[in-house]
Amino acid sequence: MPYVYQAGVFTSIAINLGLADKQFQDELRFVAGTAASYTKTARNLIVDSMDSSSTDANTDATLVLSQAVRNTETSLPAQLDPVYSGTLGALNSYFNSVVSSNFRDYFNSKSADRTINFVATTPSSTGTGLSNFRDIYRRTYNSELIYKLHERTTGGTFSGTSGTFDNAGALLEVRKFGAANNTGTISLSCVRASDGGSDAIVLSYTAGILVTYTNAANLTTLDRRYLYVSVLQLLVCLVVEQVLRYGLDKNIFSIF
């Protein structure tokens, strides 16, 4: 029997909530046929109804009316953005009741049954739904879901800016899978969300340890949120099975 806390079921729920939210967000765009465009057209019609023969009373009343419609127009984002925030709260209540965890921390990708690819892009409806679900989560909790940013399976130096997935800034965790032959280090250059600058972070590893989860943090500050890892260098002797993954988790550094 499928339950809400099962990864496959929750993935489908997230996709559909994201697609539903997209319908509301599309209504905020000033293109033909949206709520925003219709409201603006109505306001323009009200303003254009005044002419040189308009009485003072009509002019005053028309200006008050046009401002009221303008207020409706500008309030649309505030009205529509939080539509599904209550739904996420209800989901968290369910998870806390059944599995004693909120859904974000429950799906931490540390086991197969708790892994969801929140950045899947195919088919297109899945990609659209999950992208918008991540947006709902950001707007509601000012945080990020747990998902993989990059994966590296060989040594040497890696650089690139892919895999940001509209991340607004998060704390990073490096997850190393497989044993190293020797003690060594992994060097990261992490791009700060606050100002676009970089922090150099060096992580040390001990030979023989199979799986490690290490915070990628600059110890000179208590709170470092990064957009992505721009450069990564493995300075450790790897066995073939070793896989280095890193990703983001704004609150507790959990990602791979």
Protein backbone atom coordinates (compact mmCIF):
# COMPACT_ATOMS: atom_id res chain seq x y z
CA MET A 1 0.00 0.00 0.00
CA PRO A 2 1.58 3.34 -1.00
CA TYR A 3 1.85 5.97 1.74
CA VAL A 4 2.52 9.69 1.54
CA TYR A 5 5.96 9.32 3.15
CA GLN A 6 7.13 6.92 0.44
CA ALA A 7 9.50 8.57 -2.01
CA GLY A 8 7.55 7.70 -5.17
CA VAL A 9 4.25 8.93 -3.78
CA PHE A 10 5.72 12.13 -2.38
CA THR A 11 7.50 12.85 -5.68
CA SER A 12 4.16 12.75 -7.49
CA ILE A 13 2.59 15.00 -4.85
CA ALA A 14 5.45 17.50 -5.17
CA ILE A 15 5.19 17.55 -8.97
CA ASN A 16 1.46 18.20 -8.93
CA LEU A 17 1.65 20.91 -6.26
CA GLY A 18 4.42 22.56 -8.26
CA LEU A 19 2.37 22.46 -11.46
CA ALA A 20 -0.62 23.89 -9.60
CA ASP A 21 1.48 26.72 -8.18
CA LYS A 22 2.81 27.48 -11.65
CA GLN A 23 -0.73 28.23 -12.77
CA PHE A 24 -0.97 30.93 -10.10
CA GLN A 25 2.50 32.30 -10.79
CA ASP A 26 1.73 32.55 -14.50
CA GLU A 27 -1.23 34.77 -13.63
CA LEU A 28 1.24 37.35 -12.30
CA ARG A 29 2.90 37.82 -15.68
CA PHE A 30 1.92 40.87 -17.72
CA VAL A 31 1.07 38.95 -20.86
CA ALA A 32 -2.28 38.61 -22.61
CA GLY A 33 -4.81 36.47 -20.82
CA THR A 34 -3.44 36.59 -17.27
CA ALA A 35 -5.00 38.01 -14.11
CA ALA A 36 -2.29 40.68 -13.97
CA SER A 37 -2.85 41.80 -17.56
CA TYR A 38 -6.64 41.88 -17.24
CA THR A 39 -6.42 43.91 -14.04
CA LYS A 40 -4.04 46.40 -15.64
CA THR A 41 -6.34 46.73 -18.67
CA ALA A 42 -9.28 47.47 -16.38
CA ARG A 43 -7.27 50.14 -14.57
CA ASN A 44 -6.25 51.76 -17.85
CA LEU A 45 -9.88 51.85 -18.98
CA ILE A 46 -10.84 53.60 -15.76
CA VAL A 47 -8.11 56.22 -16.14
CA ASP A 48 -8.89 56.76 -19.82
CA SER A 49 -12.55 57.38 -19.02
CA MET A 50 -11.71 60.87 -17.74
CA ASP A 51 -11.67 63.79 -20.17
CA SER A 52 -11.71 67.56 -20.05
CA SER A 53 -15.46 67.60 -19.41
CA SER A 54 -15.21 65.41 -16.31
CA THR A 55 -16.62 67.06 -13.21
CA ASP A 56 -14.50 67.45 -10.11
CA ALA A 57 -16.62 64.86 -8.33
CA ASN A 58 -16.26 62.37 -11.18
CA THR A 59 -12.51 63.01 -11.44
CA ASP A 60 -11.99 62.50 -7.71
CA ALA A 61 -14.10 59.34 -7.64
CA THR A 62 -12.39 57.97 -10.76
CA LEU A 63 -8.94 58.54 -9.27
CA VAL A 64 -9.98 56.76 -6.06
CA LEU A 65 -11.34 53.86 -8.10
CA SER A 66 -8.24 53.59 -10.29
CA GLN A 67 -6.02 53.55 -7.19
CA ALA A 68 -8.14 50.77 -5.67
CA VAL A 69 -7.72 48.70 -8.81
CA ARG A 70 -4.02 49.51 -8.82
CA ASN A 71 -3.80 48.28 -5.22
CA THR A 72 -5.42 45.02 -6.30
CA GLU A 73 -2.92 44.76 -9.14
CA THR A 74 0.13 45.25 -6.91
CA SER A 75 -1.21 42.93 -4.21
CA LEU A 76 -1.55 39.94 -6.54
CA PRO A 77 1.92 38.50 -5.74
CA ALA A 78 1.30 38.77 -2.00
CA GLN A 79 -2.06 37.07 -2.48
CA LEU A 80 -0.89 34.28 -4.77
CA ASP A 81 2.64 33.51 -3.55
CA PRO A 82 1.53 31.94 -0.23
CA VAL A 83 -1.41 29.95 -1.63
CA TYR A 84 0.39 26.62 -1.12
CA SER A 85 2.37 27.55 1.97
CA GLY A 86 -0.42 26.16 4.13
CA THR A 87 -0.31 22.96 2.11
CA LEU A 88 3.40 22.53 2.85
CA GLY A 89 2.64 23.12 6.51
CA ALA A 90 0.02 20.37 6.39
CA LEU A 91 2.52 18.03 4.73
CA ASN A 92 5.01 18.72 7.49
CA SER A 93 2.35 18.03 10.12
CA TYR A 94 1.67 14.67 8.49
CA PHE A 95 5.37 13.75 8.37
CA ASN A 96 5.96 14.83 11.96
CA SER A 97 3.02 12.71 13.09
CA VAL A 98 3.92 9.58 11.11
CA VAL A 99 7.75 9.57 10.84
CA SER A 100 8.74 12.19 13.45
CA SER A 101 10.46 14.45 10.91
CA ASN A 102 9.57 17.23 8.50
CA PHE A 103 9.53 16.10 4.89
CA ARG A 104 12.67 18.03 3.94
CA ASP A 105 14.86 16.35 6.55
CA TYR A 106 13.17 13.00 6.01
CA PHE A 107 14.18 12.90 2.35
CA ASN A 108 17.89 13.40 3.04
CA SER A 109 19.15 11.08 0.27
CA LYS A 110 21.14 8.96 2.72
CA SER A 111 19.21 5.78 1.86
CA ALA A 112 17.26 4.59 -1.17
CA ASP A 113 13.86 4.92 0.48
CA ARG A 114 14.61 8.50 1.50
CA THR A 115 15.96 9.71 -1.82
CA ILE A 116 14.05 12.05 -4.13
CA ASN A 117 15.62 13.73 -7.12
CA PHE A 118 14.10 17.17 -6.60
CA VAL A 119 16.00 18.50 -9.63
CA ALA A 120 14.86 15.95 -12.21
CA THR A 121 14.14 17.60 -15.56
CA THR A 122 12.49 14.88 -17.64
CA PRO A 123 9.81 14.58 -18.71
CA SER A 124 9.22 18.32 -19.01
CA SER A 125 6.12 18.25 -16.79
CA THR A 126 8.20 16.64 -14.04
CA GLY A 127 10.93 19.25 -14.41
CA THR A 128 8.41 22.10 -14.34
CA GLY A 129 6.55 20.68 -11.36
CA LEU A 130 9.65 20.03 -9.25
CA SER A 131 11.19 23.42 -10.13
CA ASN A 132 8.06 25.19 -8.94
CA PHE A 133 7.82 22.98 -5.87
CA ARG A 134 11.34 24.09 -4.91
CA ASP A 135 10.19 27.68 -5.40
CA ILE A 136 7.20 27.15 -3.09
CA TYR A 137 9.53 25.71 -0.47
CA ARG A 138 11.93 28.66 -0.75
CA ARG A 139 9.13 31.21 -0.45
CA THR A 140 7.61 29.40 2.53
CA TYR A 141 10.67 28.43 4.56
CA ASN A 142 13.50 30.58 3.15
CA SER A 143 15.47 27.38 2.81
CA GLU A 144 16.39 24.69 0.28
CA LEU A 145 15.31 21.11 -0.16
CA ILE A 146 18.06 18.50 -0.10
CA TYR A 147 19.39 17.64 -3.53
CA LYS A 148 22.61 16.93 -5.36
CA LEU A 149 24.52 19.79 -6.97
CA HIS A 150 27.44 17.89 -8.51
CA GLU A 151 29.04 14.47 -8.62
CA ARG A 152 32.70 13.62 -9.12
CA THR A 153 34.13 10.12 -9.59
CA THR A 154 37.79 10.79 -10.44
CA GLY A 155 40.68 12.75 -9.03
CA GLY A 156 42.22 15.97 -10.29
CA THR A 157 40.68 19.41 -10.57
CA PHE A 158 37.08 20.10 -11.47
CA SER A 159 35.57 23.48 -12.20
CA GLY A 160 32.19 24.60 -13.42
CA THR A 161 29.09 26.55 -12.50
CA SER A 162 26.43 24.05 -13.53
CA GLY A 163 24.00 22.50 -11.13
CA THR A 164 22.86 25.59 -9.25
CA PHE A 165 19.15 24.87 -9.87
CA ASP A 166 18.15 28.42 -8.91
CA ASN A 167 19.68 27.85 -5.49
CA ALA A 168 19.37 31.09 -3.54
CA GLY A 169 22.24 30.17 -1.23
CA ALA A 170 22.71 27.22 1.08
CA LEU A 171 25.12 25.47 3.35
CA LEU A 172 26.99 22.62 1.67
CA GLU A 173 27.83 19.10 2.64
CA VAL A 174 30.39 16.88 0.90
CA ARG A 175 29.50 13.22 0.86
CA LYS A 176 32.30 10.79 0.10
CA PHE A 177 31.43 7.22 -0.84
CA GLY A 178 34.16 4.58 -0.94
CA ALA A 179 37.51 4.22 0.78
CA ALA A 180 40.68 6.21 0.12
CA ASN A 181 44.00 4.41 0.00
CA ASN A 182 45.75 7.26 1.81
CA THR A 183 44.88 10.13 4.05
CA GLY A 184 44.26 13.20 1.92
CA THR A 185 42.28 16.36 1.33
CA ILE A 186 39.61 17.79 -0.92
CA SER A 187 39.86 21.49 -1.73
CA LEU A 188 36.76 23.51 -2.61
CA SER A 189 36.20 27.02 -3.84
CA CYS A 190 32.66 27.94 -2.86
CA VAL A 191 30.87 30.96 -4.32
CA ARG A 192 29.09 33.02 -1.67
CA ALA A 193 25.45 33.94 -2.17
CA SER A 194 25.87 37.23 -0.31
CA ASP A 195 28.37 38.96 -2.58
CA GLY A 196 29.53 36.52 -5.27
CA GLY A 197 32.98 36.17 -3.71
CA SER A 198 34.68 32.85 -3.02
CA ASP A 199 35.76 30.95 0.09
CA ALA A 200 38.54 28.39 -0.03
CA ILE A 201 37.69 25.33 2.05
CA VAL A 202 39.91 22.29 2.62
CA LEU A 203 38.43 19.02 3.93
CA SER A 204 40.62 16.24 5.31
CA TYR A 205 39.91 12.53 4.96
CA THR A 206 41.34 9.41 6.61
CA ALA A 207 42.30 6.30 4.67
CA GLY A 208 39.90 3.38 4.84
CA ILE A 209 36.72 5.23 5.81
CA LEU A 210 33.95 4.26 3.38
CA VAL A 211 31.29 6.93 3.83
CA THR A 212 31.71 10.41 5.27
CA TYR A 213 29.46 13.47 5.48
CA THR A 214 31.50 16.64 5.95
CA ASN A 215 30.35 20.23 6.31
CA ALA A 216 31.85 22.51 3.69
CA ALA A 217 32.05 25.54 5.94
CA ASN A 218 34.33 28.49 6.42
CA LEU A 219 35.11 28.29 10.12
CA THR A 220 35.76 32.02 10.34
CA THR A 221 32.02 32.68 10.14
CA LEU A 222 29.00 31.03 11.69
CA ASP A 223 26.81 31.28 8.62
CA ARG A 224 28.08 30.73 5.08
CA ARG A 225 25.57 30.19 2.31
CA TYR A 226 26.92 29.28 -1.09
CA LEU A 227 25.47 29.21 -4.59
CA TYR A 228 27.74 26.48 -5.95
CA VAL A 229 31.23 25.01 -5.89
CA SER A 230 33.30 26.64 -8.62
CA VAL A 231 36.48 24.57 -8.22
CA LEU A 232 37.09 21.23 -6.59
CA GLN A 233 40.42 19.44 -6.34
CA LEU A 234 40.96 15.94 -5.00
CA LEU A 235 44.28 15.56 -3.24
CA VAL A 236 43.68 12.03 -2.06
CA CYS A 237 44.54 8.62 -3.49
CA LEU A 238 41.21 7.11 -4.54
CA VAL A 239 40.10 3.57 -5.11
CA VAL A 240 37.95 2.93 -8.16
CA GLU A 241 34.73 2.67 -6.16
CA GLN A 242 35.03 6.09 -4.56
CA VAL A 243 32.42 8.63 -5.52
CA LEU A 244 32.50 12.21 -4.32
CA ARG A 245 29.23 14.05 -4.34
CA TYR A 246 28.32 17.39 -2.98
CA GLY A 247 25.18 19.39 -2.73
CA LEU A 248 23.28 21.74 -0.51
CA ASP A 249 21.23 21.90 2.59
CA LYS A 250 20.62 25.35 3.95
CA ASN A 251 19.96 24.41 7.55
CA ILE A 252 21.93 21.33 8.52
CA PHE A 253 24.45 20.86 5.71
CA SER A 254 22.83 17.59 4.58
CA ILE A 255 23.37 16.95 0.91
CA PHE A 256 25.44 14.82 -1.27
